[in-house]
Amino acid sequence: MGRLHARSYRALAERYQRLGAEVRLVAACDPVAAARDEAVAALGFERAYADYRELLADPEVDVVSICSPNFLHHEIALAAVAAGNLSGSRNPWEGLGGAVAPDRRGGKGR
């Protein structure tokens, strides 16, 4: 799923050039070293982390797309919001028990 998301995000700036959007794939996260290497070499991420908490602490990360197994979405989404990141997940925010709502102001105060 993460590969599809990465390719789609890269295509956004190309598809909607008139909007002047800049898309940077700043960081990927995967516990598997080979997947991290592929994220950088083949998908165009600038760097990759083994632990999502490291990724969330990266000051250059503004938006997080959660592509982990479903049972991890809740934990990662809560951590992303707490870290000040805009967060996207296939699962609705209502699935988080009403504990959080996405902050639409631009991530980390930007």
Protein backbone atom coordinates (compact mmCIF):
# COMPACT_ATOMS: atom_id res chain seq x y z
CA MET A 1 0.00 0.00 0.00
CA GLY A 2 2.81 2.43 0.83
CA ARG A 3 4.28 2.12 -2.67
CA LEU A 4 0.95 3.13 -4.22
CA HIS A 5 0.64 6.11 -1.87
CA ALA A 6 4.18 7.28 -2.62
CA ARG A 7 3.64 7.12 -6.37
CA SER A 8 0.31 8.91 -6.05
CA TYR A 9 1.75 11.74 -3.97
CA ARG A 10 4.57 12.23 -6.47
CA ALA A 11 2.01 12.42 -9.28
CA LEU A 12 -0.01 15.16 -7.53
CA ALA A 13 2.37 17.99 -8.34
CA GLU A 14 2.66 16.83 -11.93
CA ARG A 15 -1.08 16.36 -12.41
CA TYR A 16 -2.09 19.64 -10.79
CA GLN A 17 0.73 21.93 -11.93
CA ARG A 18 -1.49 25.01 -11.91
CA LEU A 19 -1.80 24.74 -8.13
CA GLY A 20 1.94 25.10 -7.67
CA ALA A 21 2.01 22.28 -5.14
CA GLU A 22 5.37 21.02 -3.95
CA VAL A 23 5.45 17.39 -2.93
CA ARG A 24 8.48 16.06 -1.08
CA LEU A 25 8.69 12.50 0.12
CA VAL A 26 10.71 13.36 3.19
CA ALA A 27 10.74 10.09 5.10
CA ALA A 28 9.40 6.57 5.00
CA CYS A 29 9.16 4.11 7.85
CA ASP A 30 9.44 0.34 7.81
CA PRO A 31 10.91 -2.12 10.31
CA VAL A 32 12.41 -4.10 7.41
CA ALA A 33 15.78 -2.75 6.24
CA ALA A 34 15.30 -3.84 2.61
CA ALA A 35 11.97 -1.98 2.46
CA ARG A 36 13.63 1.16 3.85
CA ASP A 37 16.36 0.90 1.22
CA GLU A 38 13.73 0.51 -1.53
CA ALA A 39 11.79 3.53 -0.24
CA VAL A 40 14.86 5.71 -0.73
CA ALA A 41 16.31 4.13 -3.89
CA ALA A 42 13.17 3.34 -5.88
CA LEU A 43 10.38 5.51 -4.46
CA GLY A 44 12.30 8.74 -3.96
CA PHE A 45 12.09 9.23 -0.20
CA GLU A 46 14.89 11.38 1.20
CA ARG A 47 15.43 9.05 4.17
CA ALA A 48 13.82 6.16 6.02
CA TYR A 49 13.34 5.16 9.63
CA ALA A 50 12.80 1.80 11.34
CA ASP A 51 10.51 3.27 14.03
CA TYR A 52 7.55 5.54 13.35
CA ARG A 53 8.34 7.58 16.47
CA GLU A 54 11.64 8.65 14.89
CA LEU A 55 9.80 9.69 11.74
CA LEU A 56 7.27 11.72 13.75
CA ALA A 57 10.11 13.50 15.56
CA ASP A 58 11.66 14.60 12.26
CA PRO A 59 11.04 18.37 12.03
CA GLU A 60 10.77 18.23 8.23
CA VAL A 61 7.79 15.85 8.29
CA ASP A 62 4.48 17.74 8.05
CA VAL A 63 2.03 15.13 6.79
CA VAL A 64 1.91 11.43 7.62
CA SER A 65 0.18 8.83 5.47
CA ILE A 66 -0.44 5.74 7.58
CA CYS A 67 0.05 2.61 5.48
CA SER A 68 0.70 0.16 8.29
CA PRO A 69 -1.41 -2.90 9.06
CA ASN A 70 -4.86 -1.83 10.28
CA PHE A 71 -4.32 -2.86 13.89
CA LEU A 72 -1.53 -0.24 14.16
CA HIS A 73 -3.47 2.70 12.67
CA HIS A 74 -4.96 3.89 15.96
CA GLU A 75 -1.65 4.02 17.82
CA ILE A 76 0.22 5.71 14.98
CA ALA A 77 -2.56 8.21 14.23
CA LEU A 78 -2.72 9.33 17.86
CA ALA A 79 1.07 9.70 17.95
CA ALA A 80 1.07 11.65 14.67
CA VAL A 81 -1.53 14.11 15.91
CA ALA A 82 0.29 14.50 19.23
CA ALA A 83 3.49 15.27 17.28
CA GLY A 84 1.67 17.99 15.31
CA ASN A 85 1.48 16.17 11.99
CA LEU A 86 -1.48 16.15 9.66
CA SER A 87 -2.34 12.50 9.37
CA GLY A 88 -4.13 10.41 6.78
CA SER A 89 -5.43 6.90 7.13
CA ARG A 90 -7.86 4.72 5.21
CA ASN A 91 -9.78 4.29 8.44
CA PRO A 92 -12.12 7.11 9.47
CA TRP A 93 -11.24 9.37 12.40
CA GLU A 94 -14.40 8.20 14.11
CA GLY A 95 -12.62 4.87 14.51
CA LEU A 96 -10.32 6.57 17.00
CA GLY A 97 -13.13 6.80 19.53
CA GLY A 98 -13.56 10.55 19.18
CA ALA A 99 -10.26 11.07 21.00
CA VAL A 100 -8.79 13.27 18.28
CA ALA A 101 -9.70 15.14 15.15
CA PRO A 102 -7.28 16.07 12.40
CA ASP A 103 -5.75 19.52 12.65
CA ARG A 104 -6.24 21.15 9.27
CA ARG A 105 -4.06 24.21 9.95
CA GLY A 106 -0.99 22.94 8.13
CA GLY A 107 0.92 20.59 10.39
CA LYS A 108 3.47 21.57 13.04
CA GLY A 109 2.21 25.14 13.01
CA ARG A 110 3.11 25.83 9.36
